[in-house]
């Protein structure tokens, strides 16, 4: 499984753009990847990525952006603690959906060992970074809208 900053960006997009624009931006990015542009992990792309072992993570990205965006629209980015909680929830969506898909491919215990447990510390760190950045920049972004 690749380690990337994709979940950091996906949760930040939701937190900054809200659920509609956040989901739309992530779906557009995934569509570019599905069309073959090298915008996915490791500079890859193509439809095969959406049927392989990491497809669950890709399919979770718009859901995570939507959830974080929905929470942002309800004021969760105005406080650092709630922003962190939103980012943790977004990362949890990615990890759970990704591991569930992976479990269908390689089995439950292996999916947890390869696709969930190793990524928990990184998810916490990325959530901390995303929460801080979004919380800090939210007012500036709101002024632009």
N, C-alpha and C. Protein backbone atom coordinates (compact mmCIF):
# COMPACT_ATOMS: atom_id res chain seq x y z
N UNK A 1 0.84 -1.17 0.00
CA UNK A 1 0.00 0.00 0.00
C UNK A 1 0.89 1.25 0.00
N UNK A 2 0.60 2.17 -0.88
CA UNK A 2 1.40 3.40 -0.92
C UNK A 2 1.05 4.34 0.23
N UNK A 3 2.03 5.05 0.70
CA UNK A 3 1.81 6.10 1.70
C UNK A 3 1.89 7.43 0.95
N UNK A 4 0.80 8.18 0.98
CA UNK A 4 0.72 9.44 0.24
C UNK A 4 0.13 10.52 1.13
N UNK A 5 0.05 11.71 0.60
CA UNK A 5 -0.63 12.81 1.28
C UNK A 5 -2.03 13.03 0.73
N UNK A 6 -2.54 12.04 0.00
CA UNK A 6 -3.85 12.20 -0.63
C UNK A 6 -4.95 12.43 0.40
N UNK A 7 -4.96 11.70 1.50
CA UNK A 7 -6.02 11.90 2.48
C UNK A 7 -5.91 13.27 3.15
N UNK A 8 -4.71 13.77 3.31
CA UNK A 8 -4.53 15.11 3.86
C UNK A 8 -5.22 16.13 2.94
N UNK A 9 -4.97 16.01 1.64
CA UNK A 9 -5.54 16.95 0.67
C UNK A 9 -7.05 16.77 0.56
N UNK A 10 -7.51 15.53 0.53
CA UNK A 10 -8.94 15.26 0.40
C UNK A 10 -9.71 15.87 1.57
N UNK A 11 -9.21 15.70 2.78
CA UNK A 11 -9.91 16.27 3.94
C UNK A 11 -9.81 17.80 3.95
N UNK A 12 -8.67 18.33 3.53
CA UNK A 12 -8.54 19.79 3.46
C UNK A 12 -9.48 20.38 2.42
N UNK A 13 -9.61 19.72 1.28
CA UNK A 13 -10.52 20.21 0.23
C UNK A 13 -11.94 20.29 0.77
N UNK A 14 -12.38 19.24 1.45
CA UNK A 14 -13.71 19.27 2.05
C UNK A 14 -13.83 20.38 3.09
N UNK A 15 -12.83 20.50 3.94
CA UNK A 15 -12.86 21.50 5.00
C UNK A 15 -12.87 22.93 4.49
N UNK A 16 -12.24 23.16 3.35
CA UNK A 16 -12.16 24.51 2.80
C UNK A 16 -13.28 24.84 1.83
N UNK A 17 -13.74 23.85 1.07
CA UNK A 17 -14.72 24.12 0.01
C UNK A 17 -16.14 23.73 0.36
N UNK A 18 -16.35 23.02 1.46
CA UNK A 18 -17.69 22.55 1.78
C UNK A 18 -17.97 21.24 1.07
N UNK A 19 -19.14 20.65 1.38
CA UNK A 19 -19.38 19.30 0.89
C UNK A 19 -19.62 19.24 -0.61
N UNK A 20 -20.36 20.15 -1.18
CA UNK A 20 -20.67 20.07 -2.62
C UNK A 20 -19.42 20.30 -3.48
N UNK A 21 -18.77 21.43 -3.26
CA UNK A 21 -17.57 21.74 -4.05
C UNK A 21 -16.42 20.79 -3.71
N UNK A 22 -16.32 20.42 -2.45
CA UNK A 22 -15.27 19.48 -2.05
C UNK A 22 -15.42 18.14 -2.75
N UNK A 23 -16.63 17.59 -2.71
CA UNK A 23 -16.87 16.32 -3.40
C UNK A 23 -16.66 16.47 -4.90
N UNK A 24 -17.15 17.55 -5.47
CA UNK A 24 -17.01 17.76 -6.91
C UNK A 24 -15.54 17.84 -7.31
N UNK A 25 -14.74 18.53 -6.53
CA UNK A 25 -13.31 18.65 -6.84
C UNK A 25 -12.63 17.29 -6.78
N UNK A 26 -12.96 16.50 -5.77
CA UNK A 26 -12.34 15.18 -5.63
C UNK A 26 -12.81 14.24 -6.73
N UNK A 27 -14.09 14.29 -7.07
CA UNK A 27 -14.60 13.46 -8.17
C UNK A 27 -13.93 13.85 -9.48
N UNK A 28 -13.74 15.14 -9.71
CA UNK A 28 -13.07 15.60 -10.94
C UNK A 28 -11.63 15.07 -10.98
N UNK A 29 -10.93 15.13 -9.87
CA UNK A 29 -9.56 14.61 -9.80
C UNK A 29 -9.54 13.11 -10.08
N UNK A 30 -10.47 12.37 -9.48
CA UNK A 30 -10.52 10.93 -9.72
C UNK A 30 -10.89 10.62 -11.16
N UNK A 31 -11.75 11.43 -11.76
CA UNK A 31 -12.10 11.24 -13.18
C UNK A 31 -10.87 11.42 -14.06
N UNK A 32 -10.03 12.39 -13.73
CA UNK A 32 -8.79 12.56 -14.48
C UNK A 32 -7.91 11.33 -14.34
N UNK A 33 -7.84 10.79 -13.13
CA UNK A 33 -7.08 9.57 -12.91
C UNK A 33 -7.66 8.40 -13.67
N UNK A 34 -8.98 8.26 -13.66
CA UNK A 34 -9.63 7.17 -14.38
C UNK A 34 -9.40 7.29 -15.88
N UNK A 35 -9.30 8.52 -16.37
CA UNK A 35 -9.06 8.74 -17.80
C UNK A 35 -7.62 8.44 -18.20
N UNK A 36 -6.78 8.15 -17.22
CA UNK A 36 -5.42 7.76 -17.52
C UNK A 36 -4.36 8.79 -17.19
N UNK A 37 -4.76 9.98 -16.76
CA UNK A 37 -3.76 10.97 -16.38
C UNK A 37 -3.02 10.50 -15.12
N UNK A 38 -1.74 10.75 -15.03
CA UNK A 38 -0.95 10.24 -13.90
C UNK A 38 -1.09 11.10 -12.64
N UNK A 39 -2.31 11.14 -12.10
CA UNK A 39 -2.57 12.00 -10.95
C UNK A 39 -2.84 11.20 -9.66
N UNK A 40 -2.77 9.90 -9.74
CA UNK A 40 -3.01 9.06 -8.57
C UNK A 40 -1.67 8.68 -7.93
N UNK A 41 -1.72 7.91 -6.88
CA UNK A 41 -0.51 7.54 -6.13
C UNK A 41 0.57 7.00 -7.05
N UNK A 42 1.78 7.47 -6.83
CA UNK A 42 2.91 7.00 -7.62
C UNK A 42 2.90 7.48 -9.06
N UNK A 43 2.14 8.53 -9.36
CA UNK A 43 2.07 9.03 -10.73
C UNK A 43 1.35 8.08 -11.66
N UNK A 44 0.37 7.37 -11.13
CA UNK A 44 -0.36 6.39 -11.94
C UNK A 44 -1.74 6.92 -12.30
N UNK A 45 -2.42 6.18 -13.14
CA UNK A 45 -3.77 6.50 -13.55
C UNK A 45 -4.35 5.33 -14.32
N UNK A 46 -5.60 5.47 -14.74
CA UNK A 46 -6.26 4.43 -15.52
C UNK A 46 -7.37 3.76 -14.74
N UNK A 47 -8.30 3.18 -15.48
CA UNK A 47 -9.46 2.53 -14.87
C UNK A 47 -9.09 1.35 -13.99
N UNK A 48 -7.99 0.68 -14.29
CA UNK A 48 -7.59 -0.49 -13.50
C UNK A 48 -7.40 -0.14 -12.03
N UNK A 49 -7.03 1.09 -11.74
CA UNK A 49 -6.85 1.52 -10.35
C UNK A 49 -8.15 1.45 -9.56
N UNK A 50 -9.27 1.55 -10.27
CA UNK A 50 -10.58 1.55 -9.63
C UNK A 50 -11.17 0.14 -9.50
N UNK A 51 -10.38 -0.85 -9.85
CA UNK A 51 -10.79 -2.24 -9.68
C UNK A 51 -9.75 -3.03 -8.89
N UNK A 52 -8.62 -2.41 -8.59
CA UNK A 52 -7.54 -3.10 -7.90
C UNK A 52 -7.69 -3.06 -6.39
N UNK A 53 -6.68 -3.51 -5.68
CA UNK A 53 -6.76 -3.60 -4.22
C UNK A 53 -6.90 -2.26 -3.50
N UNK A 54 -6.48 -1.17 -4.11
CA UNK A 54 -6.59 0.14 -3.45
C UNK A 54 -7.83 0.93 -3.89
N UNK A 55 -8.71 0.31 -4.66
CA UNK A 55 -9.89 1.02 -5.16
C UNK A 55 -10.78 1.54 -4.04
N UNK A 56 -10.89 0.80 -2.95
CA UNK A 56 -11.73 1.25 -1.84
C UNK A 56 -11.29 2.58 -1.27
N UNK A 57 -9.99 2.79 -1.23
CA UNK A 57 -9.48 4.07 -0.75
C UNK A 57 -9.86 5.19 -1.71
N UNK A 58 -9.71 4.93 -3.01
CA UNK A 58 -10.07 5.94 -4.01
C UNK A 58 -11.55 6.27 -3.94
N UNK A 59 -12.39 5.25 -3.82
CA UNK A 59 -13.83 5.47 -3.76
C UNK A 59 -14.23 6.18 -2.46
N UNK A 60 -13.41 6.06 -1.44
CA UNK A 60 -13.70 6.73 -0.17
C UNK A 60 -13.38 8.22 -0.20
N UNK A 61 -12.50 8.63 -1.09
CA UNK A 61 -12.06 10.02 -1.10
C UNK A 61 -13.20 11.02 -1.24
N UNK A 62 -14.13 10.87 -2.20
CA UNK A 62 -15.22 11.84 -2.27
C UNK A 62 -16.14 11.78 -1.05
N UNK A 63 -16.32 10.60 -0.49
CA UNK A 63 -17.15 10.46 0.71
C UNK A 63 -16.50 11.22 1.87
N UNK A 64 -15.20 11.05 2.03
CA UNK A 64 -14.48 11.75 3.10
C UNK A 64 -14.53 13.26 2.90
N UNK A 65 -14.30 13.72 1.68
CA UNK A 65 -14.37 15.16 1.40
C UNK A 65 -15.77 15.68 1.69
N UNK A 66 -16.77 14.91 1.30
CA UNK A 66 -18.15 15.31 1.56
C UNK A 66 -18.48 15.38 3.04
N UNK A 67 -18.03 14.39 3.80
CA UNK A 67 -18.28 14.39 5.24
C UNK A 67 -17.59 15.57 5.92
N UNK A 68 -16.32 15.76 5.63
CA UNK A 68 -15.59 16.88 6.25
C UNK A 68 -16.20 18.21 5.81
N UNK A 69 -16.58 18.31 4.54
CA UNK A 69 -17.21 19.53 4.04
C UNK A 69 -18.54 19.80 4.71
N UNK A 70 -19.32 18.75 4.92
CA UNK A 70 -20.62 18.88 5.59
C UNK A 70 -20.41 19.39 7.02
N UNK A 71 -19.43 18.82 7.70
CA UNK A 71 -19.12 19.27 9.06
C UNK A 71 -18.60 20.71 9.05
N UNK A 72 -17.80 21.05 8.05
CA UNK A 72 -17.29 22.42 7.95
C UNK A 72 -18.43 23.42 7.79
N UNK A 73 -19.42 23.06 7.00
CA UNK A 73 -20.56 23.95 6.79
C UNK A 73 -21.39 24.12 8.06
N UNK A 74 -21.18 23.25 9.02
CA UNK A 74 -21.87 23.35 10.30
C UNK A 74 -20.96 23.93 11.39
N UNK A 75 -19.87 24.56 10.97
CA UNK A 75 -19.03 25.30 11.89
C UNK A 75 -17.88 24.54 12.53
N UNK A 76 -17.64 23.32 12.11
CA UNK A 76 -16.61 22.52 12.76
C UNK A 76 -15.19 23.03 12.51
N UNK A 77 -14.98 23.88 11.54
CA UNK A 77 -13.62 24.37 11.28
C UNK A 77 -13.32 25.64 12.06
N UNK A 78 -14.29 26.14 12.82
CA UNK A 78 -14.07 27.36 13.59
C UNK A 78 -13.31 27.12 14.89
N UNK A 79 -13.32 25.89 15.35
CA UNK A 79 -12.56 25.53 16.55
C UNK A 79 -11.56 24.44 16.20
N UNK A 80 -10.37 24.54 16.72
CA UNK A 80 -9.31 23.60 16.35
C UNK A 80 -9.65 22.17 16.77
N UNK A 81 -10.24 21.99 17.93
CA UNK A 81 -10.60 20.65 18.40
C UNK A 81 -11.62 19.98 17.50
N UNK A 82 -12.64 20.74 17.12
CA UNK A 82 -13.67 20.17 16.24
C UNK A 82 -13.13 19.97 14.83
N UNK A 83 -12.24 20.85 14.39
CA UNK A 83 -11.61 20.66 13.08
C UNK A 83 -10.81 19.36 13.08
N UNK A 84 -10.09 19.11 14.16
CA UNK A 84 -9.33 17.86 14.27
C UNK A 84 -10.27 16.66 14.26
N UNK A 85 -11.37 16.74 14.98
CA UNK A 85 -12.33 15.64 15.00
C UNK A 85 -12.88 15.38 13.59
N UNK A 86 -13.18 16.43 12.85
CA UNK A 86 -13.68 16.28 11.48
C UNK A 86 -12.65 15.60 10.60
N UNK A 87 -11.40 16.02 10.72
CA UNK A 87 -10.33 15.42 9.90
C UNK A 87 -10.10 13.96 10.28
N UNK A 88 -10.18 13.64 11.56
CA UNK A 88 -10.05 12.25 11.99
C UNK A 88 -11.18 11.41 11.43
N UNK A 89 -12.39 11.95 11.42
CA UNK A 89 -13.53 11.23 10.84
C UNK A 89 -13.33 11.00 9.35
N UNK A 90 -12.85 12.02 8.64
CA UNK A 90 -12.59 11.87 7.21
C UNK A 90 -11.55 10.81 6.93
N UNK A 91 -10.48 10.81 7.71
CA UNK A 91 -9.46 9.78 7.55
C UNK A 91 -9.99 8.41 7.91
N UNK A 92 -10.85 8.33 8.92
CA UNK A 92 -11.44 7.05 9.30
C UNK A 92 -12.29 6.49 8.17
N UNK A 93 -13.05 7.35 7.49
CA UNK A 93 -13.84 6.90 6.34
C UNK A 93 -12.94 6.27 5.30
N UNK A 94 -11.83 6.95 4.99
CA UNK A 94 -10.90 6.42 3.99
C UNK A 94 -10.33 5.08 4.41
N UNK A 95 -9.90 4.98 5.65
CA UNK A 95 -9.29 3.74 6.11
C UNK A 95 -10.29 2.59 6.18
N UNK A 96 -11.49 2.86 6.66
CA UNK A 96 -12.49 1.80 6.79
C UNK A 96 -12.96 1.32 5.42
N UNK A 97 -13.29 2.26 4.54
CA UNK A 97 -13.73 1.85 3.20
C UNK A 97 -12.61 1.15 2.44
N UNK A 98 -11.40 1.68 2.56
CA UNK A 98 -10.27 1.07 1.88
C UNK A 98 -9.98 -0.32 2.39
N UNK A 99 -9.98 -0.49 3.71
CA UNK A 99 -9.71 -1.81 4.29
C UNK A 99 -10.84 -2.79 3.99
N UNK A 100 -12.07 -2.31 3.94
CA UNK A 100 -13.19 -3.19 3.61
C UNK A 100 -13.05 -3.73 2.18
N UNK A 101 -12.71 -2.86 1.25
CA UNK A 101 -12.49 -3.31 -0.14
C UNK A 101 -11.32 -4.29 -0.18
N UNK A 102 -10.25 -3.93 0.49
CA UNK A 102 -9.07 -4.78 0.51
C UNK A 102 -9.39 -6.14 1.13
N UNK A 103 -10.24 -6.17 2.15
CA UNK A 103 -10.64 -7.43 2.77
C UNK A 103 -11.36 -8.34 1.78
N UNK A 104 -12.14 -7.74 0.89
CA UNK A 104 -12.82 -8.54 -0.14
C UNK A 104 -11.82 -9.14 -1.11
N UNK A 105 -10.66 -8.51 -1.26
CA UNK A 105 -9.64 -8.98 -2.20
C UNK A 105 -8.70 -10.00 -1.54
N UNK A 106 -8.23 -9.69 -0.32
CA UNK A 106 -7.20 -10.55 0.28
C UNK A 106 -7.62 -11.19 1.60
N UNK A 107 -8.80 -10.88 2.11
CA UNK A 107 -9.25 -11.44 3.38
C UNK A 107 -9.11 -10.44 4.51
N UNK A 108 -9.97 -10.61 5.53
CA UNK A 108 -10.06 -9.66 6.62
C UNK A 108 -8.80 -9.44 7.43
N UNK A 109 -8.22 -10.50 8.02
CA UNK A 109 -7.03 -10.27 8.85
C UNK A 109 -5.86 -9.66 8.07
N UNK A 110 -5.66 -10.10 6.85
CA UNK A 110 -4.58 -9.55 6.03
C UNK A 110 -4.86 -8.09 5.69
N UNK A 111 -6.12 -7.77 5.42
CA UNK A 111 -6.48 -6.39 5.09
C UNK A 111 -6.22 -5.46 6.26
N UNK A 112 -6.54 -5.91 7.46
CA UNK A 112 -6.27 -5.09 8.64
C UNK A 112 -4.78 -4.89 8.84
N UNK A 113 -4.03 -5.97 8.65
CA UNK A 113 -2.58 -5.91 8.84
C UNK A 113 -1.88 -5.07 7.78
N UNK A 114 -2.39 -5.12 6.55
CA UNK A 114 -1.72 -4.41 5.45
C UNK A 114 -2.37 -3.07 5.12
N UNK A 115 -3.67 -2.92 5.38
CA UNK A 115 -4.36 -1.74 4.90
C UNK A 115 -5.01 -0.86 5.93
N UNK A 116 -4.86 -1.20 7.22
CA UNK A 116 -5.46 -0.36 8.25
C UNK A 116 -4.46 0.00 9.35
N UNK A 117 -4.02 -0.99 10.10
CA UNK A 117 -3.16 -0.72 11.26
C UNK A 117 -1.91 0.10 10.93
N UNK A 118 -1.20 -0.20 9.85
CA UNK A 118 0.03 0.58 9.60
C UNK A 118 -0.24 2.06 9.28
N UNK A 119 -1.47 2.37 8.88
CA UNK A 119 -1.77 3.73 8.44
C UNK A 119 -2.39 4.60 9.53
N UNK A 120 -2.71 4.02 10.67
CA UNK A 120 -3.33 4.81 11.74
C UNK A 120 -2.45 5.95 12.25
N UNK A 121 -1.17 5.72 12.54
CA UNK A 121 -0.35 6.85 13.01
C UNK A 121 -0.27 7.98 11.98
N UNK A 122 -0.10 7.63 10.71
CA UNK A 122 -0.05 8.64 9.66
C UNK A 122 -1.36 9.39 9.52
N UNK A 123 -2.47 8.68 9.70
CA UNK A 123 -3.79 9.33 9.62
C UNK A 123 -3.94 10.36 10.73
N UNK A 124 -3.44 10.05 11.91
CA UNK A 124 -3.52 11.01 13.02
C UNK A 124 -2.66 12.23 12.72
N UNK A 125 -1.45 12.01 12.23
CA UNK A 125 -0.55 13.13 11.91
C UNK A 125 -1.16 13.98 10.80
N UNK A 126 -1.66 13.34 9.73
CA UNK A 126 -2.27 14.09 8.63
C UNK A 126 -3.50 14.84 9.09
N UNK A 127 -4.26 14.26 10.01
CA UNK A 127 -5.44 14.95 10.55
C UNK A 127 -5.03 16.19 11.34
N UNK A 128 -3.97 16.06 12.13
CA UNK A 128 -3.47 17.22 12.89
C UNK A 128 -3.03 18.34 11.95
N UNK A 129 -2.28 17.98 10.92
CA UNK A 129 -1.80 18.98 9.96
C UNK A 129 -2.97 19.62 9.22
N UNK A 130 -3.87 18.79 8.70
CA UNK A 130 -5.02 19.31 7.94
C UNK A 130 -5.88 20.21 8.81
N UNK A 131 -6.15 19.79 10.05
CA UNK A 131 -6.97 20.61 10.94
C UNK A 131 -6.32 21.96 11.19
N UNK A 132 -5.04 21.96 11.47
CA UNK A 132 -4.34 23.22 11.71
C UNK A 132 -4.35 24.13 10.51
N UNK A 133 -4.08 23.58 9.34
CA UNK A 133 -4.04 24.40 8.13
C UNK A 133 -5.41 24.94 7.76
N UNK A 134 -6.43 24.09 7.84
CA UNK A 134 -7.78 24.55 7.48
C UNK A 134 -8.29 25.54 8.52
N UNK A 135 -8.10 25.24 9.78
CA UNK A 135 -8.55 26.15 10.83
C UNK A 135 -7.90 27.52 10.67
N UNK A 136 -6.62 27.51 10.35
CA UNK A 136 -5.86 28.76 10.20
C UNK A 136 -6.26 29.55 8.95
N UNK A 137 -6.58 28.87 7.87
CA UNK A 137 -6.83 29.55 6.59
C UNK A 137 -8.31 29.70 6.26
N UNK A 138 -9.20 29.14 7.04
CA UNK A 138 -10.63 29.16 6.74
C UNK A 138 -11.17 30.58 6.56
N UNK A 139 -10.81 31.50 7.41
CA UNK A 139 -11.33 32.87 7.30
C UNK A 139 -10.91 33.52 6.00
N UNK A 140 -9.68 33.28 5.58
CA UNK A 140 -9.21 33.86 4.32
C UNK A 140 -9.99 33.28 3.14
N UNK A 141 -10.23 32.00 3.18
CA UNK A 141 -10.98 31.35 2.09
C UNK A 141 -12.41 31.85 2.07
N UNK A 142 -13.03 32.02 3.24
CA UNK A 142 -14.40 32.52 3.31
C UNK A 142 -14.50 33.93 2.73
N UNK A 143 -13.48 34.75 2.92
CA UNK A 143 -13.48 36.11 2.36
C UNK A 143 -13.44 36.09 0.84
N UNK A 144 -12.81 35.07 0.26
CA UNK A 144 -12.72 34.96 -1.20
C UNK A 144 -14.05 34.56 -1.82
N UNK A 145 -14.88 33.86 -1.07
CA UNK A 145 -16.13 33.33 -1.62
C UNK A 145 -17.19 34.38 -1.81
